[in-house]
PDB file of N, CA and C in Angstrom:
ATOM      1  N   UNK A   1       7.006  12.395  -9.794  1.00  0.00           N
ATOM      2  CA  UNK A   1       6.972  10.975  -9.520  1.00  0.00           C
ATOM      3  C   UNK A   1       7.401  10.730  -8.073  1.00  0.00           C
ATOM      4  N   UNK A   2       6.569  10.044  -7.311  1.00  0.00           N
ATOM      5  CA  UNK A   2       6.964   9.729  -5.938  1.00  0.00           C
ATOM      6  C   UNK A   2       8.175   8.800  -5.898  1.00  0.00           C
ATOM      7  N   UNK A   3       8.985   8.976  -4.864  1.00  0.00           N
ATOM      8  CA  UNK A   3      10.167   8.142  -4.678  1.00  0.00           C
ATOM      9  C   UNK A   3      10.081   7.436  -3.330  1.00  0.00           C
ATOM     10  N   UNK A   4      11.087   6.620  -3.025  1.00  0.00           N
ATOM     11  CA  UNK A   4      11.086   5.824  -1.795  1.00  0.00           C
ATOM     12  C   UNK A   4      10.891   6.687  -0.545  1.00  0.00           C
ATOM     13  N   UNK A   5      11.537   7.836  -0.499  1.00  0.00           N
ATOM     14  CA  UNK A   5      11.388   8.694   0.693  1.00  0.00           C
ATOM     15  C   UNK A   5       9.967   9.242   0.820  1.00  0.00           C
ATOM     16  N   UNK A   6       9.288   9.466  -0.309  1.00  0.00           N
ATOM     17  CA  UNK A   6       7.887   9.896  -0.270  1.00  0.00           C
ATOM     18  C   UNK A   6       7.021   8.768   0.292  1.00  0.00           C
ATOM     19  N   UNK A   7       7.297   7.531  -0.132  1.00  0.00           N
ATOM     20  CA  UNK A   7       6.556   6.383   0.389  1.00  0.00           C
ATOM     21  C   UNK A   7       6.722   6.317   1.899  1.00  0.00           C
ATOM     22  N   UNK A   8       7.947   6.419   2.357  1.00  0.00           N
ATOM     23  CA  UNK A   8       8.250   6.354   3.786  1.00  0.00           C
ATOM     24  C   UNK A   8       7.513   7.459   4.541  1.00  0.00           C
ATOM     25  N   UNK A   9       7.610   8.690   4.062  1.00  0.00           N
ATOM     26  CA  UNK A   9       6.982   9.829   4.742  1.00  0.00           C
ATOM     27  C   UNK A   9       5.467   9.683   4.799  1.00  0.00           C
ATOM     28  N   UNK A  10       4.853   9.316   3.669  1.00  0.00           N
ATOM     29  CA  UNK A  10       3.395   9.176   3.625  1.00  0.00           C
ATOM     30  C   UNK A  10       2.933   8.012   4.497  1.00  0.00           C
ATOM     31  N   UNK A  11       3.615   6.872   4.368  1.00  0.00           N
ATOM     32  CA  UNK A  11       3.218   5.705   5.165  1.00  0.00           C
ATOM     33  C   UNK A  11       3.316   6.011   6.658  1.00  0.00           C
ATOM     34  N   UNK A  12       4.413   6.620   7.073  1.00  0.00           N
ATOM     35  CA  UNK A  12       4.604   6.896   8.498  1.00  0.00           C
ATOM     36  C   UNK A  12       3.687   8.002   9.011  1.00  0.00           C
ATOM     37  N   UNK A  13       3.048   8.744   8.107  1.00  0.00           N
ATOM     38  CA  UNK A  13       2.091   9.773   8.542  1.00  0.00           C
ATOM     39  C   UNK A  13       0.738   9.164   8.911  1.00  0.00           C
ATOM     40  N   UNK A  14       0.509   7.907   8.543  1.00  0.00           N
ATOM     41  CA  UNK A  14      -0.753   7.243   8.868  1.00  0.00           C
ATOM     42  C   UNK A  14      -0.718   6.785  10.330  1.00  0.00           C
ATOM     43  N   UNK A  15      -1.852   6.837  11.028  1.00  0.00           N
ATOM     44  CA  UNK A  15      -1.876   6.541  12.468  1.00  0.00           C
ATOM     45  C   UNK A  15      -1.320   5.168  12.822  1.00  0.00           C
ATOM     46  N   UNK A  16      -0.563   5.144  13.922  1.00  0.00           N
ATOM     47  CA  UNK A  16      -0.041   3.911  14.526  1.00  0.00           C
ATOM     48  C   UNK A  16       0.786   3.083  13.546  1.00  0.00           C
ATOM     49  N   UNK A  17       1.488   3.787  12.637  1.00  0.00           N
ATOM     50  CA  UNK A  17       2.317   3.108  11.646  1.00  0.00           C
ATOM     51  C   UNK A  17       3.772   3.127  12.084  1.00  0.00           C
ATOM     52  N   UNK A  18       4.450   2.011  11.846  1.00  0.00           N
ATOM     53  CA  UNK A  18       5.880   1.910  12.130  1.00  0.00           C
ATOM     54  C   UNK A  18       6.572   1.276  10.924  1.00  0.00           C
ATOM     55  N   UNK A  19       7.875   1.475  10.877  1.00  0.00           N
ATOM     56  CA  UNK A  19       8.681   0.875   9.818  1.00  0.00           C
ATOM     57  C   UNK A  19       9.554  -0.211  10.436  1.00  0.00           C
ATOM     58  N   UNK A  20       9.674  -1.324   9.743  1.00  0.00           N
ATOM     59  CA  UNK A  20      10.495  -2.433  10.214  1.00  0.00           C
ATOM     60  C   UNK A  20      11.151  -3.090   8.999  1.00  0.00           C
ATOM     61  N   UNK A  21      12.437  -3.388   9.118  1.00  0.00           N
ATOM     62  CA  UNK A  21      13.124  -4.099   8.043  1.00  0.00           C
ATOM     63  C   UNK A  21      12.774  -5.585   8.160  1.00  0.00           C
ATOM     64  N   UNK A  22      12.297  -6.157   7.073  1.00  0.00           N
ATOM     65  CA  UNK A  22      11.994  -7.589   7.001  1.00  0.00           C
ATOM     66  C   UNK A  22      12.349  -8.046   5.591  1.00  0.00           C
ATOM     67  N   UNK A  23      12.885  -9.220   5.466  1.00  0.00           N
ATOM     68  CA  UNK A  23      13.307  -9.733   4.164  1.00  0.00           C
ATOM     69  C   UNK A  23      14.257  -8.750   3.472  1.00  0.00           C
ATOM     70  N   UNK A  24      15.078  -8.061   4.256  1.00  0.00           N
ATOM     71  CA  UNK A  24      16.070  -7.094   3.759  1.00  0.00           C
ATOM     72  C   UNK A  24      15.441  -5.897   3.052  1.00  0.00           C
ATOM     73  N   UNK A  25      14.212  -5.544   3.410  1.00  0.00           N
ATOM     74  CA  UNK A  25      13.579  -4.370   2.810  1.00  0.00           C
ATOM     75  C   UNK A  25      12.710  -3.663   3.847  1.00  0.00           C
ATOM     76  N   UNK A  26      12.444  -2.376   3.631  1.00  0.00           N
ATOM     77  CA  UNK A  26      11.550  -1.661   4.532  1.00  0.00           C
ATOM     78  C   UNK A  26      10.115  -2.175   4.392  1.00  0.00           C
ATOM     79  N   UNK A  27       9.468  -2.383   5.528  1.00  0.00           N
ATOM     80  CA  UNK A  27       8.042  -2.722   5.542  1.00  0.00           C
ATOM     81  C   UNK A  27       7.352  -1.735   6.471  1.00  0.00           C
ATOM     82  N   UNK A  28       6.087  -1.481   6.197  1.00  0.00           N
ATOM     83  CA  UNK A  28       5.311  -0.532   6.995  1.00  0.00           C
ATOM     84  C   UNK A  28       4.124  -1.271   7.584  1.00  0.00           C
ATOM     85  N   UNK A  29       3.916  -1.053   8.886  1.00  0.00           N
ATOM     86  CA  UNK A  29       2.910  -1.813   9.628  1.00  0.00           C
ATOM     87  C   UNK A  29       2.022  -0.885  10.437  1.00  0.00           C
ATOM     88  N   UNK A  30       0.753  -1.253  10.503  1.00  0.00           N
ATOM     89  CA  UNK A  30      -0.193  -0.551  11.360  1.00  0.00           C
ATOM     90  C   UNK A  30      -0.545  -1.507  12.485  1.00  0.00           C
ATOM     91  N   UNK A  31      -0.348  -1.047  13.711  1.00  0.00           N
ATOM     92  CA  UNK A  31      -0.602  -1.877  14.891  1.00  0.00           C
ATOM     93  C   UNK A  31       0.073  -3.239  14.734  1.00  0.00           C
ATOM     94  N   UNK A  32       1.265  -3.253  14.126  1.00  0.00           N
ATOM     95  CA  UNK A  32       2.040  -4.473  13.966  1.00  0.00           C
ATOM     96  C   UNK A  32       1.714  -5.307  12.743  1.00  0.00           C
ATOM     97  N   UNK A  33       0.692  -4.936  11.975  1.00  0.00           N
ATOM     98  CA  UNK A  33       0.272  -5.722  10.812  1.00  0.00           C
ATOM     99  C   UNK A  33       0.738  -5.026   9.528  1.00  0.00           C
ATOM    100  N   UNK A  34       1.474  -5.754   8.694  1.00  0.00           N
ATOM    101  CA  UNK A  34       2.077  -5.170   7.503  1.00  0.00           C
ATOM    102  C   UNK A  34       1.026  -4.730   6.475  1.00  0.00           C
ATOM    103  N   UNK A  35       1.226  -3.514   5.933  1.00  0.00           N
ATOM    104  CA  UNK A  35       0.330  -3.028   4.874  1.00  0.00           C
ATOM    105  C   UNK A  35       1.076  -2.525   3.646  1.00  0.00           C
ATOM    106  N   UNK A  36       2.391  -2.385   3.719  1.00  0.00           N
ATOM    107  CA  UNK A  36       3.150  -1.948   2.539  1.00  0.00           C
ATOM    108  C   UNK A  36       4.607  -2.360   2.683  1.00  0.00           C
ATOM    109  N   UNK A  37       5.243  -2.605   1.543  1.00  0.00           N
ATOM    110  CA  UNK A  37       6.683  -2.873   1.521  1.00  0.00           C
ATOM    111  C   UNK A  37       7.311  -2.073   0.390  1.00  0.00           C
ATOM    112  N   UNK A  38       8.598  -1.838   0.536  1.00  0.00           N
ATOM    113  CA  UNK A  38       9.393  -1.183  -0.511  1.00  0.00           C
ATOM    114  C   UNK A  38      10.409  -2.208  -0.997  1.00  0.00           C
ATOM    115  N   UNK A  39      10.011  -3.086  -1.921  1.00  0.00           N
ATOM    116  CA  UNK A  39      10.887  -4.182  -2.310  1.00  0.00           C
ATOM    117  C   UNK A  39      12.086  -3.766  -3.159  1.00  0.00           C
ATOM    118  N   UNK A  40      13.053  -4.683  -3.167  1.00  0.00           N
ATOM    119  CA  UNK A  40      14.232  -4.643  -4.010  1.00  0.00           C
ATOM    120  C   UNK A  40      14.806  -3.252  -4.243  1.00  0.00           C
ATOM    121  N   UNK A  41      14.668  -2.736  -5.432  1.00  0.00           N
ATOM    122  CA  UNK A  41      15.337  -1.488  -5.807  1.00  0.00           C
ATOM    123  C   UNK A  41      14.547  -0.233  -5.447  1.00  0.00           C
ATOM    124  N   UNK A  42      13.464  -0.386  -4.713  1.00  0.00           N
ATOM    125  CA  UNK A  42      12.645   0.733  -4.232  1.00  0.00           C
ATOM    126  C   UNK A  42      12.042   1.578  -5.351  1.00  0.00           C
ATOM    127  N   UNK A  43      11.766   0.956  -6.506  1.00  0.00           N
ATOM    128  CA  UNK A  43      11.082   1.663  -7.595  1.00  0.00           C
ATOM    129  C   UNK A  43       9.596   1.315  -7.607  1.00  0.00           C
ATOM    130  N   UNK A  44       9.204   0.430  -6.690  1.00  0.00           N
ATOM    131  CA  UNK A  44       7.804   0.042  -6.591  1.00  0.00           C
ATOM    132  C   UNK A  44       7.457  -0.178  -5.124  1.00  0.00           C
ATOM    133  N   UNK A  45       6.159  -0.320  -4.866  1.00  0.00           N
ATOM    134  CA  UNK A  45       5.702  -0.707  -3.538  1.00  0.00           C
ATOM    135  C   UNK A  45       4.786  -1.912  -3.705  1.00  0.00           C
ATOM    136  N   UNK A  46       4.678  -2.694  -2.650  1.00  0.00           N
ATOM    137  CA  UNK A  46       3.699  -3.770  -2.596  1.00  0.00           C
ATOM    138  C   UNK A  46       2.687  -3.372  -1.520  1.00  0.00           C
ATOM    139  N   UNK A  47       1.407  -3.483  -1.860  1.00  0.00           N
ATOM    140  CA  UNK A  47       0.343  -3.099  -0.927  1.00  0.00           C
ATOM    141  C   UNK A  47      -0.751  -4.160  -0.915  1.00  0.00           C
ATOM    142  N   UNK A  48      -1.512  -4.158   0.159  1.00  0.00           N
ATOM    143  CA  UNK A  48      -2.648  -5.071   0.264  1.00  0.00           C
ATOM    144  C   UNK A  48      -3.712  -4.681  -0.757  1.00  0.00           C
ATOM    145  N   UNK A  49      -4.329  -5.691  -1.355  1.00  0.00           N
ATOM    146  CA  UNK A  49      -5.395  -5.438  -2.321  1.00  0.00           C
ATOM    147  C   UNK A  49      -6.188  -6.730  -2.485  1.00  0.00           C
ATOM    148  N   UNK A  50      -7.512  -6.685  -2.266  1.00  0.00           N
ATOM    149  CA  UNK A  50      -8.304  -7.901  -2.473  1.00  0.00           C
ATOM    150  C   UNK A  50      -8.049  -8.459  -3.873  1.00  0.00           C
ATOM    151  N   UNK A  51      -7.979  -9.783  -3.975  1.00  0.00           N
ATOM    152  CA  UNK A  51      -7.595 -10.418  -5.242  1.00  0.00           C
ATOM    153  C   UNK A  51      -8.483 -10.004  -6.416  1.00  0.00           C
ATOM    154  N   UNK A  52      -9.800  -9.872  -6.190  1.00  0.00           N
ATOM    155  CA  UNK A  52     -10.695  -9.488  -7.289  1.00  0.00           C
ATOM    156  C   UNK A  52     -10.336  -8.095  -7.803  1.00  0.00           C
ATOM    157  N   UNK A  53     -10.119  -7.144  -6.869  1.00  0.00           N
ATOM    158  CA  UNK A  53      -9.767  -5.785  -7.263  1.00  0.00           C
ATOM    159  C   UNK A  53      -8.382  -5.757  -7.898  1.00  0.00           C
ATOM    160  N   UNK A  54      -7.475  -6.542  -7.349  1.00  0.00           N
ATOM    161  CA  UNK A  54      -6.107  -6.598  -7.847  1.00  0.00           C
ATOM    162  C   UNK A  54      -6.089  -7.011  -9.316  1.00  0.00           C
ATOM    163  N   UNK A  55      -6.824  -8.061  -9.637  1.00  0.00           N
ATOM    164  CA  UNK A  55      -6.853  -8.536 -11.012  1.00  0.00           C
ATOM    165  C   UNK A  55      -7.422  -7.475 -11.949  1.00  0.00           C
ATOM    166  N   UNK A  56      -8.445  -6.769 -11.500  1.00  0.00           N
ATOM    167  CA  UNK A  56      -9.032  -5.687 -12.308  1.00  0.00           C
ATOM    168  C   UNK A  56      -8.030  -4.559 -12.518  1.00  0.00           C
ATOM    169  N   UNK A  57      -7.297  -4.188 -11.459  1.00  0.00           N
ATOM    170  CA  UNK A  57      -6.296  -3.121 -11.576  1.00  0.00           C
ATOM    171  C   UNK A  57      -5.215  -3.491 -12.590  1.00  0.00           C
ATOM    172  N   UNK A  58      -4.722  -4.716 -12.490  1.00  0.00           N
ATOM    173  CA  UNK A  58      -3.654  -5.160 -13.393  1.00  0.00           C
ATOM    174  C   UNK A  58      -4.142  -5.156 -14.845  1.00  0.00           C
ATOM    175  N   UNK A  59      -5.368  -5.603 -15.064  1.00  0.00           N
ATOM    176  CA  UNK A  59      -5.917  -5.594 -16.430  1.00  0.00           C
ATOM    177  C   UNK A  59      -6.132  -4.174 -16.941  1.00  0.00           C
ATOM    178  N   UNK A  60      -6.611  -3.294 -16.068  1.00  0.00           N
ATOM    179  CA  UNK A  60      -6.920  -1.925 -16.482  1.00  0.00           C
ATOM    180  C   UNK A  60      -5.669  -1.070 -16.678  1.00  0.00           C
ATOM    181  N   UNK A  61      -4.653  -1.269 -15.816  1.00  0.00           N
ATOM    182  CA  UNK A  61      -3.456  -0.433 -15.873  1.00  0.00           C
ATOM    183  C   UNK A  61      -2.192  -1.275 -15.682  1.00  0.00           C
ATOM    184  N   UNK A  62      -1.860  -2.110 -16.667  1.00  0.00           N
ATOM    185  CA  UNK A  62      -0.700  -2.997 -16.519  1.00  0.00           C
ATOM    186  C   UNK A  62       0.637  -2.262 -16.422  1.00  0.00           C
ATOM    187  N   UNK A  63       0.683  -1.025 -16.856  1.00  0.00           N
ATOM    188  CA  UNK A  63       1.908  -0.246 -16.721  1.00  0.00           C
ATOM    189  C   UNK A  63       2.124   0.264 -15.312  1.00  0.00           C
ATOM    190  N   UNK A  64       1.066   0.250 -14.516  1.00  0.00           N
ATOM    191  CA  UNK A  64       1.135   0.759 -13.144  1.00  0.00           C
ATOM    192  C   UNK A  64       1.120  -0.372 -12.120  1.00  0.00           C
ATOM    193  N   UNK A  65       0.286  -1.384 -12.345  1.00  0.00           N
ATOM    194  CA  UNK A  65       0.105  -2.456 -11.367  1.00  0.00           C
ATOM    195  C   UNK A  65       0.536  -3.793 -11.946  1.00  0.00           C
ATOM    196  N   UNK A  66       1.098  -4.646 -11.105  1.00  0.00           N
ATOM    197  CA  UNK A  66       1.398  -6.015 -11.505  1.00  0.00           C
ATOM    198  C   UNK A  66       1.466  -6.888 -10.260  1.00  0.00           C
ATOM    199  N   UNK A  67       1.476  -8.197 -10.510  1.00  0.00           N
ATOM    200  CA  UNK A  67       1.504  -9.170  -9.422  1.00  0.00           C
ATOM    201  C   UNK A  67       2.832  -9.909  -9.483  1.00  0.00           C
ATOM    202  N   UNK A  68       3.583  -9.837  -8.408  1.00  0.00           N
ATOM    203  CA  UNK A  68       4.840 -10.578  -8.325  1.00  0.00           C
ATOM    204  C   UNK A  68       4.518 -12.064  -8.186  1.00  0.00           C
ATOM    205  N   UNK A  69       5.290 -12.889  -8.845  1.00  0.00           N
ATOM    206  CA  UNK A  69       5.029 -14.331  -8.833  1.00  0.00           C
ATOM    207  C   UNK A  69       4.883 -14.889  -7.426  1.00  0.00           C
ATOM    208  N   UNK A  70       5.787 -14.509  -6.523  1.00  0.00           N
ATOM    209  CA  UNK A  70       5.749 -15.068  -5.167  1.00  0.00           C
ATOM    210  C   UNK A  70       4.619 -14.494  -4.301  1.00  0.00           C
ATOM    211  N   UNK A  71       3.902 -13.501  -4.817  1.00  0.00           N
ATOM    212  CA  UNK A  71       2.774 -12.912  -4.081  1.00  0.00           C
ATOM    213  C   UNK A  71       1.426 -13.268  -4.716  1.00  0.00           C
ATOM    214  N   UNK A  72       1.435 -14.076  -5.774  1.00  0.00           N
ATOM    215  CA  UNK A  72       0.206 -14.357  -6.534  1.00  0.00           C
ATOM    216  C   UNK A  72      -0.889 -14.978  -5.676  1.00  0.00           C
ATOM    217  N   UNK A  73      -0.529 -15.801  -4.700  1.00  0.00           N
ATOM    218  CA  UNK A  73      -1.551 -16.451  -3.880  1.00  0.00           C
ATOM    219  C   UNK A  73      -2.036 -15.564  -2.738  1.00  0.00           C
ATOM    220  N   UNK A  74      -1.428 -14.408  -2.569  1.00  0.00           N
ATOM    221  CA  UNK A  74      -1.801 -13.491  -1.495  1.00  0.00           C
ATOM    222  C   UNK A  74      -2.536 -12.270  -2.052  1.00  0.00           C
ATOM    223  N   UNK A  75      -3.223 -11.575  -1.206  1.00  0.00           N
ATOM    224  CA  UNK A  75      -3.986 -10.389  -1.614  1.00  0.00           C
ATOM    225  C   UNK A  75      -3.082  -9.141  -1.575  1.00  0.00           C
ATOM    226  N   UNK A  76      -2.067  -9.147  -2.450  1.00  0.00           N
ATOM    227  CA  UNK A  76      -1.122  -8.035  -2.570  1.00  0.00           C
ATOM    228  C   UNK A  76      -0.946  -7.693  -4.046  1.00  0.00           C
ATOM    229  N   UNK A  77      -0.629  -6.435  -4.305  1.00  0.00           N
ATOM    230  CA  UNK A  77      -0.345  -5.988  -5.663  1.00  0.00           C
ATOM    231  C   UNK A  77       0.877  -5.073  -5.611  1.00  0.00           C
ATOM    232  N   UNK A  78       1.640  -5.056  -6.683  1.00  0.00           N
ATOM    233  CA  UNK A  78       2.783  -4.147  -6.803  1.00  0.00           C
ATOM    234  C   UNK A  78       2.355  -2.904  -7.579  1.00  0.00           C
ATOM    235  N   UNK A  79       2.955  -1.775  -7.217  1.00  0.00           N
ATOM    236  CA  UNK A  79       2.658  -0.497  -7.857  1.00  0.00           C
ATOM    237  C   UNK A  79       3.976   0.159  -8.266  1.00  0.00           C
ATOM    238  N   UNK A  80       4.119   0.469  -9.545  1.00  0.00           N
ATOM    239  CA  UNK A  80       5.326   1.158 -10.036  1.00  0.00           C
ATOM    240  C   UNK A  80       5.239   2.633  -9.644  1.00  0.00           C
ATOM    241  N   UNK A  81       6.207   3.096  -8.872  1.00  0.00           N
ATOM    242  CA  UNK A  81       6.193   4.493  -8.416  1.00  0.00           C
ATOM    243  C   UNK A  81       6.241   5.460  -9.589  1.00  0.00           C
ATOM    244  N   UNK A  82       7.004   5.135 -10.625  1.00  0.00           N
ATOM    245  CA  UNK A  82       7.138   6.026 -11.781  1.00  0.00           C
ATOM    246  C   UNK A  82       5.825   6.221 -12.522  1.00  0.00           C
ATOM    247  N   UNK A  83       4.886   5.289 -12.367  1.00  0.00           N
ATOM    248  CA  UNK A  83       3.605   5.370 -13.073  1.00  0.00           C
ATOM    249  C   UNK A  83       2.552   6.153 -12.298  1.00  0.00           C
ATOM    250  N   UNK A  84       2.837   6.491 -11.049  1.00  0.00           N
ATOM    251  CA  UNK A  84       1.849   7.229 -10.252  1.00  0.00           C
ATOM    252  C   UNK A  84       1.764   8.679 -10.707  1.00  0.00           C
ATOM    253  N   UNK A  85       0.559   9.223 -10.589  1.00  0.00           N
ATOM    254  CA  UNK A  85       0.328  10.599 -11.046  1.00  0.00           C
ATOM    255  C   UNK A  85       0.836  11.636 -10.052  1.00  0.00           C
ATOM    256  N   UNK A  86       1.231  11.216  -8.869  1.00  0.00           N
ATOM    257  CA  UNK A  86       1.753  12.153  -7.881  1.00  0.00           C
ATOM    258  C   UNK A  86       1.512  11.643  -6.480  1.00  0.00           C
ATOM    259  N   UNK A  87       1.808  12.522  -5.531  1.00  0.00           N
ATOM    260  CA  UNK A  87       1.719  12.122  -4.131  1.00  0.00           C
ATOM    261  C   UNK A  87       0.293  11.841  -3.675  1.00  0.00           C
ATOM    262  N   UNK A  88      -0.692  12.514  -4.245  1.00  0.00           N
ATOM    263  CA  UNK A  88      -2.080  12.244  -3.852  1.00  0.00           C
ATOM    264  C   UNK A  88      -2.469  10.803  -4.180  1.00  0.00           C
ATOM    265  N   UNK A  89      -2.072  10.325  -5.350  1.00  0.00           N
ATOM    266  CA  UNK A  89      -2.377   8.951  -5.712  1.00  0.00           C
ATOM    267  C   UNK A  89      -1.623   7.975  -4.804  1.00  0.00           C
ATOM    268  N   UNK A  90      -0.369   8.281  -4.506  1.00  0.00           N
ATOM    269  CA  UNK A  90       0.407   7.459  -3.579  1.00  0.00           C
ATOM    270  C   UNK A  90      -0.290   7.399  -2.221  1.00  0.00           C
ATOM    271  N   UNK A  91      -0.722   8.542  -1.722  1.00  0.00           N
ATOM    272  CA  UNK A  91      -1.403   8.603  -0.422  1.00  0.00           C
ATOM    273  C   UNK A  91      -2.693   7.770  -0.451  1.00  0.00           C
ATOM    274  N   UNK A  92      -3.464   7.864  -1.528  1.00  0.00           N
ATOM    275  CA  UNK A  92      -4.707   7.084  -1.637  1.00  0.00           C
ATOM    276  C   UNK A  92      -4.429   5.585  -1.602  1.00  0.00           C
ATOM    277  N   UNK A  93      -3.404   5.156  -2.328  1.00  0.00           N
ATOM    278  CA  UNK A  93      -3.056   3.731  -2.396  1.00  0.00           C
ATOM    279  C   UNK A  93      -2.583   3.239  -1.027  1.00  0.00           C
ATOM    280  N   UNK A  94      -1.711   4.004  -0.386  1.00  0.00           N
ATOM    281  CA  UNK A  94      -1.214   3.591   0.933  1.00  0.00           C
ATOM    282  C   UNK A  94      -2.327   3.610   1.976  1.00  0.00           C
ATOM    283  N   UNK A  95      -3.199   4.616   1.938  1.00  0.00           N
ATOM    284  CA  UNK A  95      -4.300   4.688   2.907  1.00  0.00           C
ATOM    285  C   UNK A  95      -5.273   3.531   2.719  1.00  0.00           C
ATOM    286  N   UNK A  96      -5.511   3.145   1.471  1.00  0.00           N
ATOM    287  CA  UNK A  96      -6.402   2.011   1.210  1.00  0.00           C
ATOM    288  C   UNK A  96      -5.806   0.730   1.789  1.00  0.00           C
ATOM    289  N   UNK A  97      -4.522   0.526   1.597  1.00  0.00           N
ATOM    290  CA  UNK A  97      -3.860  -0.659   2.143  1.00  0.00           C
ATOM    291  C   UNK A  97      -3.856  -0.604   3.673  1.00  0.00           C
ATOM    292  N   UNK A  98      -3.598   0.576   4.235  1.00  0.00           N
ATOM    293  CA  UNK A  98      -3.619   0.778   5.689  1.00  0.00           C
ATOM    294  C   UNK A  98      -4.978   0.371   6.258  1.00  0.00           C
ATOM    295  N   UNK A  99      -6.063   0.811   5.597  1.00  0.00           N
ATOM    296  CA  UNK A  99      -7.423   0.475   6.063  1.00  0.00           C
ATOM    297  C   UNK A  99      -7.635  -1.035   6.131  1.00  0.00           C
ATOM    298  N   UNK A 100      -7.065  -1.764   5.182  1.00  0.00           N
ATOM    299  CA  UNK A 100      -7.250  -3.213   5.145  1.00  0.00           C
ATOM    300  C   UNK A 100      -6.516  -3.917   6.281  1.00  0.00           C
ATOM    301  N   UNK A 101      -5.468  -3.292   6.807  1.00  0.00           N
ATOM    302  CA  UNK A 101      -4.680  -3.912   7.876  1.00  0.00           C
ATOM    303  C   UNK A 101      -5.018  -3.358   9.264  1.00  0.00           C
ATOM    304  N   UNK A 102      -5.579  -2.161   9.316  1.00  0.00           N
ATOM    305  CA  UNK A 102      -5.815  -1.496  10.605  1.00  0.00           C
ATOM    306  C   UNK A 102      -6.899  -2.201  11.419  1.00  0.00           C
ATOM    307  N   UNK A 103      -6.709  -2.256  12.738  1.00  0.00           N
ATOM    308  CA  UNK A 103      -7.750  -2.830  13.591  1.00  0.00           C
ATOM    309  C   UNK A 103      -8.955  -1.889  13.671  1.00  0.00           C
ATOM    310  N   UNK A 104     -10.130  -2.425  13.993  1.00  0.00           N
ATOM    311  CA  UNK A 104     -11.344  -1.596  14.055  1.00  0.00           C
ATOM    312  C   UNK A 104     -11.205  -0.366  14.941  1.00  0.00           C
ATOM    313  N   UNK A 105     -10.473  -0.464  16.047  1.00  0.00           N
ATOM    314  CA  UNK A 105     -10.341   0.696  16.951  1.00  0.00           C
ATOM    315  C   UNK A 105      -9.700   1.880  16.232  1.00  0.00           C
ATOM    316  N   UNK A 106      -8.749   1.619  15.334  1.00  0.00           N
ATOM    317  CA  UNK A 106      -8.126   2.715  14.585  1.00  0.00           C
ATOM    318  C   UNK A 106      -9.060   3.244  13.513  1.00  0.00           C
ATOM    319  N   UNK A 107      -9.762   2.352  12.840  1.00  0.00           N
ATOM    320  CA  UNK A 107     -10.720   2.806  11.824  1.00  0.00           C
ATOM    321  C   UNK A 107     -11.791   3.680  12.468  1.00  0.00           C
ATOM    322  N   UNK A 108     -12.226   3.304  13.682  1.00  0.00           N
ATOM    323  CA  UNK A 108     -13.225   4.100  14.405  1.00  0.00           C
ATOM    324  C   UNK A 108     -12.658   5.439  14.858  1.00  0.00           C
ATOM    325  N   UNK A 109     -11.374   5.451  15.233  1.00  0.00           N
ATOM    326  CA  UNK A 109     -10.732   6.678  15.740  1.00  0.00           C
ATOM    327  C   UNK A 109     -10.379   7.662  14.630  1.00  0.00           C
ATOM    328  N   UNK A 110     -10.250   7.162  13.414  1.00  0.00           N
ATOM    329  CA  UNK A 110      -9.854   8.018  12.280  1.00  0.00           C
ATOM    330  C   UNK A 110     -10.855   7.844  11.131  1.00  0.00           C
ATOM    331  N   UNK A 111     -12.083   8.340  11.336  1.00  0.00           N
ATOM    332  CA  UNK A 111     -13.106   8.133  10.301  1.00  0.00           C
ATOM    333  C   UNK A 111     -12.717   8.739   8.948  1.00  0.00           C
ATOM    334  N   UNK A 112     -11.870   9.753   8.942  1.00  0.00           N
ATOM    335  CA  UNK A 112     -11.453  10.350   7.660  1.00  0.00           C
ATOM    336  C   UNK A 112     -10.616   9.371   6.844  1.00  0.00           C
ATOM    337  N   UNK A 113     -10.100   8.344   7.497  1.00  0.00           N
ATOM    338  CA  UNK A 113      -9.349   7.304   6.793  1.00  0.00           C
ATOM    339  C   UNK A 113     -10.208   6.062   6.562  1.00  0.00           C
ATOM    340  N   UNK A 114     -11.486   6.165   6.902  1.00  0.00           N
ATOM    341  CA  UNK A 114     -12.396   5.031   6.764  1.00  0.00           C
ATOM    342  C   UNK A 114     -12.648   4.664   5.320  1.00  0.00           C
ATOM    343  N   UNK A 115     -13.556   3.750   5.124  1.00  0.00           N
ATOM    344  CA  UNK A 115     -13.846   3.278   3.775  1.00  0.00           C
ATOM    345  C   UNK A 115     -14.400   4.390   2.905  1.00  0.00           C
ATOM    346  N   UNK A 116     -14.023   4.415   1.642  1.00  0.00           N
ATOM    347  CA  UNK A 116     -14.527   5.449   0.720  1.00  0.00           C
ATOM    348  C   UNK A 116     -16.053   5.368   0.599  1.00  0.00           C
ATOM    349  N   UNK A 117     -16.646   6.491   0.224  1.00  0.00           N
ATOM    350  CA  UNK A 117     -18.101   6.535   0.019  1.00  0.00           C
ATOM    351  C   UNK A 117     -18.509   5.465  -0.976  1.00  0.00           C
ATOM    352  N   UNK A 118     -19.619   4.806  -0.694  1.00  0.00           N
ATOM    353  CA  UNK A 118     -20.142   3.805  -1.614  1.00  0.00           C
ATOM    354  C   UNK A 118     -19.580   2.419  -1.402  1.00  0.00           C
ATOM    355  N   UNK A 119     -18.667   2.265  -0.439  1.00  0.00           N
ATOM    356  CA  UNK A 119     -18.098   0.924  -0.188  1.00  0.00           C
ATOM    357  C   UNK A 119     -18.978   0.147   0.739  1.00  0.00           C
TER     358      UNK A 119
END
């Protein structure tokens, strides 16, 4: 099961990513734009996710994904770290959120982090 330090290590391994404390919690930003947070007790992460996909994820895997009340109007979803299958899944989730926040110049510079096939 990934833990907070795994989140930090994986997030900071993504290009042009920095960590900044905001709202009394660690946040991770690409080129200054937030793509992940480690809220409250650090047993979950919040990541960017289009609302349509977010709703589907929550319905399909409610033990893994949920929407925090104060984030319902935003395109973010929470992910329970204990429910992840391992670091590969954590990396996929963080990279997907990173792609949504990264500027085009970074997406062009790191095609291996680009949109998945079929998108």
